[in-house]
PDB file of N, CA and C in Angstrom:
ATOM      1  N   MET A   1       0.829  -1.181   0.000  1.00  0.00           N
ATOM      2  CA  MET A   1       0.000   0.000   0.000  1.00  0.00           C
ATOM      3  C   MET A   1       0.872   1.242   0.000  1.00  0.00           C
ATOM      4  N   LEU A   2       0.398   2.255  -0.609  1.00  0.00           N
ATOM      5  CA  LEU A   2       1.136   3.509  -0.660  1.00  0.00           C
ATOM      6  C   LEU A   2       0.932   4.315   0.610  1.00  0.00           C
ATOM      7  N   PRO A   3       1.885   5.154   0.953  1.00  0.00           N
ATOM      8  CA  PRO A   3       1.740   5.993   2.156  1.00  0.00           C
ATOM      9  C   PRO A   3       0.478   6.857   2.121  1.00  0.00           C
ATOM     10  N   ALA A   4       0.081   7.336   0.945  1.00  0.00           N
ATOM     11  CA  ALA A   4      -1.134   8.147   0.847  1.00  0.00           C
ATOM     12  C   ALA A   4      -2.361   7.320   1.229  1.00  0.00           C
ATOM     13  N   THR A   5      -2.327   6.041   0.911  1.00  0.00           N
ATOM     14  CA  THR A   5      -3.444   5.167   1.264  1.00  0.00           C
ATOM     15  C   THR A   5      -3.531   5.007   2.780  1.00  0.00           C
ATOM     16  N   TYR A   6      -2.373   4.889   3.430  1.00  0.00           N
ATOM     17  CA  TYR A   6      -2.366   4.804   4.892  1.00  0.00           C
ATOM     18  C   TYR A   6      -2.922   6.078   5.521  1.00  0.00           C
ATOM     19  N   ARG A   7      -2.507   7.222   4.977  1.00  0.00           N
ATOM     20  CA  ARG A   7      -3.015   8.485   5.512  1.00  0.00           C
ATOM     21  C   ARG A   7      -4.524   8.572   5.386  1.00  0.00           C
ATOM     22  N   ALA A   8      -5.033   8.161   4.244  1.00  0.00           N
ATOM     23  CA  ALA A   8      -6.485   8.197   4.040  1.00  0.00           C
ATOM     24  C   ALA A   8      -7.182   7.236   4.996  1.00  0.00           C
ATOM     25  N   LEU A   9      -6.586   6.083   5.217  1.00  0.00           N
ATOM     26  CA  LEU A   9      -7.173   5.097   6.120  1.00  0.00           C
ATOM     27  C   LEU A   9      -7.166   5.588   7.562  1.00  0.00           C
ATOM     28  N   LEU A  10      -6.080   6.217   7.990  1.00  0.00           N
ATOM     29  CA  LEU A  10      -5.974   6.683   9.370  1.00  0.00           C
ATOM     30  C   LEU A  10      -6.822   7.918   9.643  1.00  0.00           C
ATOM     31  N   ARG A  11      -7.338   8.558   8.592  1.00  0.00           N
ATOM     32  CA  ARG A  11      -8.258   9.677   8.793  1.00  0.00           C
ATOM     33  C   ARG A  11      -9.653   9.207   9.174  1.00  0.00           C
ATOM     34  N   THR A  12      -9.934   7.933   9.017  1.00  0.00           N
ATOM     35  CA  THR A  12     -11.229   7.387   9.408  1.00  0.00           C
ATOM     36  C   THR A  12     -11.390   7.559  10.911  1.00  0.00           C
ATOM     37  N   PRO A  13     -12.546   8.045  11.366  1.00  0.00           N
ATOM     38  CA  PRO A  13     -12.734   8.252  12.815  1.00  0.00           C
ATOM     39  C   PRO A  13     -12.491   6.963  13.616  1.00  0.00           C
ATOM     40  N   GLY A  14     -11.625   7.051  14.610  1.00  0.00           N
ATOM     41  CA  GLY A  14     -11.329   5.912  15.477  1.00  0.00           C
ATOM     42  C   GLY A  14     -10.214   5.018  14.979  1.00  0.00           C
ATOM     43  N   ALA A  15      -9.807   5.173  13.731  1.00  0.00           N
ATOM     44  CA  ALA A  15      -8.792   4.278  13.166  1.00  0.00           C
ATOM     45  C   ALA A  15      -7.425   4.503  13.790  1.00  0.00           C
ATOM     46  N   THR A  16      -7.068   5.738  14.057  1.00  0.00           N
ATOM     47  CA  THR A  16      -5.752   6.025  14.623  1.00  0.00           C
ATOM     48  C   THR A  16      -5.610   5.428  16.023  1.00  0.00           C
ATOM     49  N   ALA A  17      -6.634   5.571  16.836  1.00  0.00           N
ATOM     50  CA  ALA A  17      -6.583   5.007  18.192  1.00  0.00           C
ATOM     51  C   ALA A  17      -6.501   3.484  18.131  1.00  0.00           C
ATOM     52  N   PHE A  18      -7.264   2.875  17.259  1.00  0.00           N
ATOM     53  CA  PHE A  18      -7.245   1.422  17.117  1.00  0.00           C
ATOM     54  C   PHE A  18      -5.881   0.952  16.642  1.00  0.00           C
ATOM     55  N   PHE A  19      -5.335   1.615  15.639  1.00  0.00           N
ATOM     56  CA  PHE A  19      -4.031   1.245  15.095  1.00  0.00           C
ATOM     57  C   PHE A  19      -2.934   1.406  16.141  1.00  0.00           C
ATOM     58  N   SER A  20      -2.966   2.490  16.884  1.00  0.00           N
ATOM     59  CA  SER A  20      -1.929   2.755  17.892  1.00  0.00           C
ATOM     60  C   SER A  20      -1.938   1.711  19.000  1.00  0.00           C
ATOM     61  N   THR A  21      -3.104   1.398  19.521  1.00  0.00           N
ATOM     62  CA  THR A  21      -3.176   0.409  20.601  1.00  0.00           C
ATOM     63  C   THR A  21      -2.829  -0.989  20.101  1.00  0.00           C
ATOM     64  N   ALA A  22      -3.244  -1.328  18.883  1.00  0.00           N
ATOM     65  CA  ALA A  22      -2.911  -2.637  18.326  1.00  0.00           C
ATOM     66  C   ALA A  22      -1.407  -2.761  18.108  1.00  0.00           C
ATOM     67  N   THR A  23      -0.790  -1.693  17.636  1.00  0.00           N
ATOM     68  CA  THR A  23       0.660  -1.709  17.424  1.00  0.00           C
ATOM     69  C   THR A  23       1.397  -1.856  18.752  1.00  0.00           C
ATOM     70  N   ALA A  24       0.996  -1.095  19.739  1.00  0.00           N
ATOM     71  CA  ALA A  24       1.642  -1.180  21.052  1.00  0.00           C
ATOM     72  C   ALA A  24       1.463  -2.567  21.663  1.00  0.00           C
ATOM     73  N   GLY A  25       0.309  -3.172  21.471  1.00  0.00           N
ATOM     74  CA  GLY A  25       0.055  -4.498  22.017  1.00  0.00           C
ATOM     75  C   GLY A  25       0.868  -5.592  21.358  1.00  0.00           C
ATOM     76  N   ARG A  26       1.226  -5.389  20.101  1.00  0.00           N
ATOM     77  CA  ARG A  26       1.971  -6.414  19.371  1.00  0.00           C
ATOM     78  C   ARG A  26       3.473  -6.297  19.516  1.00  0.00           C
ATOM     79  N   VAL A  27       3.960  -5.197  20.012  1.00  0.00           N
ATOM     80  CA  VAL A  27       5.407  -5.022  20.166  1.00  0.00           C
ATOM     81  C   VAL A  27       5.970  -6.075  21.116  1.00  0.00           C
ATOM     82  N   GLY A  28       5.286  -6.337  22.204  1.00  0.00           N
ATOM     83  CA  GLY A  28       5.757  -7.347  23.157  1.00  0.00           C
ATOM     84  C   GLY A  28       5.840  -8.724  22.548  1.00  0.00           C
ATOM     85  N   ILE A  29       4.890  -9.059  21.717  1.00  0.00           N
ATOM     86  CA  ILE A  29       4.895 -10.363  21.062  1.00  0.00           C
ATOM     87  C   ILE A  29       6.086 -10.468  20.118  1.00  0.00           C
ATOM     88  N   ALA A  30       6.323  -9.422  19.369  1.00  0.00           N
ATOM     89  CA  ALA A  30       7.432  -9.435  18.420  1.00  0.00           C
ATOM     90  C   ALA A  30       8.782  -9.452  19.121  1.00  0.00           C
ATOM     91  N   MET A  31       8.880  -8.804  20.253  1.00  0.00           N
ATOM     92  CA  MET A  31      10.157  -8.688  20.948  1.00  0.00           C
ATOM     93  C   MET A  31      10.511  -9.933  21.769  1.00  0.00           C
ATOM     94  N   THR A  32       9.559 -10.799  22.021  1.00  0.00           N
ATOM     95  CA  THR A  32       9.835 -11.987  22.828  1.00  0.00           C
ATOM     96  C   THR A  32      10.894 -12.869  22.171  1.00  0.00           C
ATOM     97  N   SER A  33      10.728 -13.160  20.893  1.00  0.00           N
ATOM     98  CA  SER A  33      11.700 -14.018  20.201  1.00  0.00           C
ATOM     99  C   SER A  33      13.067 -13.360  20.122  1.00  0.00           C
ATOM    100  N   LEU A  34      13.087 -12.081  19.815  1.00  0.00           N
ATOM    101  CA  LEU A  34      14.360 -11.374  19.738  1.00  0.00           C
ATOM    102  C   LEU A  34      15.042 -11.331  21.108  1.00  0.00           C
ATOM    103  N   GLY A  35      14.253 -11.109  22.139  1.00  0.00           N
ATOM    104  CA  GLY A  35      14.796 -11.108  23.496  1.00  0.00           C
ATOM    105  C   GLY A  35      15.353 -12.467  23.892  1.00  0.00           C
ATOM    106  N   LEU A  36      14.662 -13.527  23.478  1.00  0.00           N
ATOM    107  CA  LEU A  36      15.165 -14.876  23.764  1.00  0.00           C
ATOM    108  C   LEU A  36      16.499 -15.132  23.076  1.00  0.00           C
ATOM    109  N   VAL A  37      16.603 -14.714  21.825  1.00  0.00           N
ATOM    110  CA  VAL A  37      17.863 -14.901  21.099  1.00  0.00           C
ATOM    111  C   VAL A  37      18.987 -14.165  21.811  1.00  0.00           C
ATOM    112  N   TRP A  38      18.751 -12.905  22.177  1.00  0.00           N
ATOM    113  CA  TRP A  38      19.786 -12.122  22.860  1.00  0.00           C
ATOM    114  C   TRP A  38      20.162 -12.739  24.203  1.00  0.00           C
ATOM    115  N   LEU A  39      19.158 -13.144  24.967  1.00  0.00           N
ATOM    116  CA  LEU A  39      19.419 -13.705  26.286  1.00  0.00           C
ATOM    117  C   LEU A  39      20.222 -14.998  26.198  1.00  0.00           C
ATOM    118  N   VAL A  40      19.770 -15.926  25.366  1.00  0.00           N
ATOM    119  CA  VAL A  40      20.441 -17.225  25.285  1.00  0.00           C
ATOM    120  C   VAL A  40      21.832 -17.069  24.664  1.00  0.00           C
ATOM    121  N   HIS A  41      21.961 -16.226  23.654  1.00  0.00           N
ATOM    122  CA  HIS A  41      23.284 -16.015  23.076  1.00  0.00           C
ATOM    123  C   HIS A  41      24.227 -15.385  24.104  1.00  0.00           C
ATOM    124  N   GLY A  42      23.716 -14.459  24.885  1.00  0.00           N
ATOM    125  CA  GLY A  42      24.537 -13.846  25.927  1.00  0.00           C
ATOM    126  C   GLY A  42      24.991 -14.840  26.977  1.00  0.00           C
ATOM    127  N   ARG A  43      24.139 -15.801  27.295  1.00  0.00           N
ATOM    128  CA  ARG A  43      24.479 -16.801  28.319  1.00  0.00           C
ATOM    129  C   ARG A  43      25.376 -17.908  27.783  1.00  0.00           C
ATOM    130  N   THR A  44      25.110 -18.340  26.532  1.00  0.00           N
ATOM    131  CA  THR A  44      25.828 -19.496  25.998  1.00  0.00           C
ATOM    132  C   THR A  44      26.905 -19.127  24.984  1.00  0.00           C
ATOM    133  N   GLY A  45      26.759 -17.968  24.341  1.00  0.00           N
ATOM    134  CA  GLY A  45      27.696 -17.573  23.291  1.00  0.00           C
ATOM    135  C   GLY A  45      27.430 -18.259  21.967  1.00  0.00           C
ATOM    136  N   SER A  46      26.314 -18.961  21.855  1.00  0.00           N
ATOM    137  CA  SER A  46      26.014 -19.725  20.646  1.00  0.00           C
ATOM    138  C   SER A  46      24.681 -19.278  20.046  1.00  0.00           C
ATOM    139  N   TYR A  47      24.747 -18.873  18.776  1.00  0.00           N
ATOM    140  CA  TYR A  47      23.497 -18.543  18.091  1.00  0.00           C
ATOM    141  C   TYR A  47      22.711 -19.807  17.742  1.00  0.00           C
ATOM    142  N   ALA A  48      23.395 -20.934  17.606  1.00  0.00           N
ATOM    143  CA  ALA A  48      22.705 -22.194  17.314  1.00  0.00           C
ATOM    144  C   ALA A  48      21.794 -22.583  18.480  1.00  0.00           C
ATOM    145  N   VAL A  49      22.314 -22.494  19.673  1.00  0.00           N
ATOM    146  CA  VAL A  49      21.506 -22.811  20.860  1.00  0.00           C
ATOM    147  C   VAL A  49      20.381 -21.797  20.998  1.00  0.00           C
ATOM    148  N   ALA A  50      20.697 -20.529  20.741  1.00  0.00           N
ATOM    149  CA  ALA A  50      19.669 -19.495  20.829  1.00  0.00           C
ATOM    150  C   ALA A  50      18.556 -19.752  19.822  1.00  0.00           C
ATOM    151  N   GLY A  51      18.913 -20.183  18.626  1.00  0.00           N
ATOM    152  CA  GLY A  51      17.912 -20.507  17.616  1.00  0.00           C
ATOM    153  C   GLY A  51      17.063 -21.702  18.000  1.00  0.00           C
ATOM    154  N   LEU A  52      17.685 -22.706  18.596  1.00  0.00           N
ATOM    155  CA  LEU A  52      16.933 -23.879  19.047  1.00  0.00           C
ATOM    156  C   LEU A  52      15.944 -23.514  20.151  1.00  0.00           C
ATOM    157  N   VAL A  53      16.384 -22.705  21.094  1.00  0.00           N
ATOM    158  CA  VAL A  53      15.505 -22.290  22.188  1.00  0.00           C
ATOM    159  C   VAL A  53      14.349 -21.449  21.656  1.00  0.00           C
ATOM    160  N   THR A  54      14.658 -20.522  20.762  1.00  0.00           N
ATOM    161  CA  THR A  54      13.608 -19.675  20.197  1.00  0.00           C
ATOM    162  C   THR A  54      12.650 -20.501  19.358  1.00  0.00           C
ATOM    163  N   GLY A  55      13.160 -21.461  18.618  1.00  0.00           N
ATOM    164  CA  GLY A  55      12.294 -22.346  17.834  1.00  0.00           C
ATOM    165  C   GLY A  55      11.390 -23.190  18.719  1.00  0.00           C
ATOM    166  N   ALA A  56      11.947 -23.703  19.813  1.00  0.00           N
ATOM    167  CA  ALA A  56      11.138 -24.491  20.752  1.00  0.00           C
ATOM    168  C   ALA A  56      10.050 -23.627  21.374  1.00  0.00           C
ATOM    169  N   PHE A  57      10.404 -22.386  21.690  1.00  0.00           N
ATOM    170  CA  PHE A  57       9.399 -21.463  22.232  1.00  0.00           C
ATOM    171  C   PHE A  57       8.294 -21.206  21.217  1.00  0.00           C
ATOM    172  N   ALA A  58       8.660 -21.026  19.952  1.00  0.00           N
ATOM    173  CA  ALA A  58       7.659 -20.775  18.907  1.00  0.00           C
ATOM    174  C   ALA A  58       6.721 -21.965  18.728  1.00  0.00           C
ATOM    175  N   VAL A  59       7.276 -23.166  18.770  1.00  0.00           N
ATOM    176  CA  VAL A  59       6.435 -24.369  18.643  1.00  0.00           C
ATOM    177  C   VAL A  59       5.511 -24.497  19.851  1.00  0.00           C
ATOM    178  N   ALA A  60       6.034 -24.271  21.039  1.00  0.00           N
ATOM    179  CA  ALA A  60       5.203 -24.340  22.241  1.00  0.00           C
ATOM    180  C   ALA A  60       4.106 -23.291  22.212  1.00  0.00           C
ATOM    181  N   GLU A  61       4.443 -22.110  21.746  1.00  0.00           N
ATOM    182  CA  GLU A  61       3.444 -21.039  21.651  1.00  0.00           C
ATOM    183  C   GLU A  61       2.379 -21.376  20.609  1.00  0.00           C
ATOM    184  N   ALA A  62       2.792 -21.994  19.509  1.00  0.00           N
ATOM    185  CA  ALA A  62       1.833 -22.389  18.479  1.00  0.00           C
ATOM    186  C   ALA A  62       0.897 -23.489  18.976  1.00  0.00           C
ATOM    187  N   LEU A  63       1.410 -24.384  19.798  1.00  0.00           N
ATOM    188  CA  LEU A  63       0.577 -25.453  20.335  1.00  0.00           C
ATOM    189  C   LEU A  63      -0.348 -24.957  21.448  1.00  0.00           C
ATOM    190  N   ALA A  64       0.156 -24.072  22.281  1.00  0.00           N
ATOM    191  CA  ALA A  64      -0.634 -23.599  23.425  1.00  0.00           C
ATOM    192  C   ALA A  64      -1.527 -22.421  23.072  1.00  0.00           C
ATOM    193  N   GLY A  65      -1.205 -21.688  22.016  1.00  0.00           N
ATOM    194  CA  GLY A  65      -1.964 -20.491  21.666  1.00  0.00           C
ATOM    195  C   GLY A  65      -3.459 -20.700  21.473  1.00  0.00           C
ATOM    196  N   PRO A  66      -3.870 -21.690  20.670  1.00  0.00           N
ATOM    197  CA  PRO A  66      -5.312 -21.897  20.489  1.00  0.00           C
ATOM    198  C   PRO A  66      -6.044 -22.269  21.784  1.00  0.00           C
ATOM    199  N   GLN A  67      -5.404 -23.074  22.623  1.00  0.00           N
ATOM    200  CA  GLN A  67      -6.035 -23.430  23.891  1.00  0.00           C
ATOM    201  C   GLN A  67      -6.153 -22.212  24.800  1.00  0.00           C
ATOM    202  N   LEU A  68      -5.134 -21.396  24.837  1.00  0.00           N
ATOM    203  CA  LEU A  68      -5.179 -20.185  25.643  1.00  0.00           C
ATOM    204  C   LEU A  68      -6.245 -19.220  25.101  1.00  0.00           C
ATOM    205  N   GLY A  69      -6.353 -19.142  23.791  1.00  0.00           N
ATOM    206  CA  GLY A  69      -7.387 -18.298  23.194  1.00  0.00           C
ATOM    207  C   GLY A  69      -8.781 -18.766  23.568  1.00  0.00           C
ATOM    208  N   ARG A  70      -9.003 -20.074  23.536  1.00  0.00           N
ATOM    209  CA  ARG A  70     -10.316 -20.602  23.944  1.00  0.00           C
ATOM    210  C   ARG A  70     -10.585 -20.321  25.399  1.00  0.00           C
ATOM    211  N   LEU A  71      -9.584 -20.453  26.238  1.00  0.00           N
ATOM    212  CA  LEU A  71      -9.733 -20.194  27.663  1.00  0.00           C
ATOM    213  C   LEU A  71     -10.101 -18.734  27.907  1.00  0.00           C
ATOM    214  N   LEU A  72      -9.440 -17.837  27.203  1.00  0.00           N
ATOM    215  CA  LEU A  72      -9.705 -16.414  27.381  1.00  0.00           C
ATOM    216  C   LEU A  72     -11.067 -16.010  26.827  1.00  0.00           C
ATOM    217  N   ASP A  73     -11.491 -16.657  25.767  1.00  0.00           N
ATOM    218  CA  ASP A  73     -12.814 -16.342  25.198  1.00  0.00           C
ATOM    219  C   ASP A  73     -13.894 -16.869  26.117  1.00  0.00           C
TER     220      ASP A  73
END
């Protein structure tokens, strides 16, 4: 999408507030994997181990996510 399209979309009443809160809420989710890589690499010195840990976390999150969503709903 072009930047002008985003501007037009964000002019819709309520869209800016919705977009801002959704973006802020997703930052933590995005930073979890990156934080895990940094933490494990800092502790072990190995990006391979950090990748394995982050991958295991992603698989666990994918398996537990739907159940947690049902619980919250």
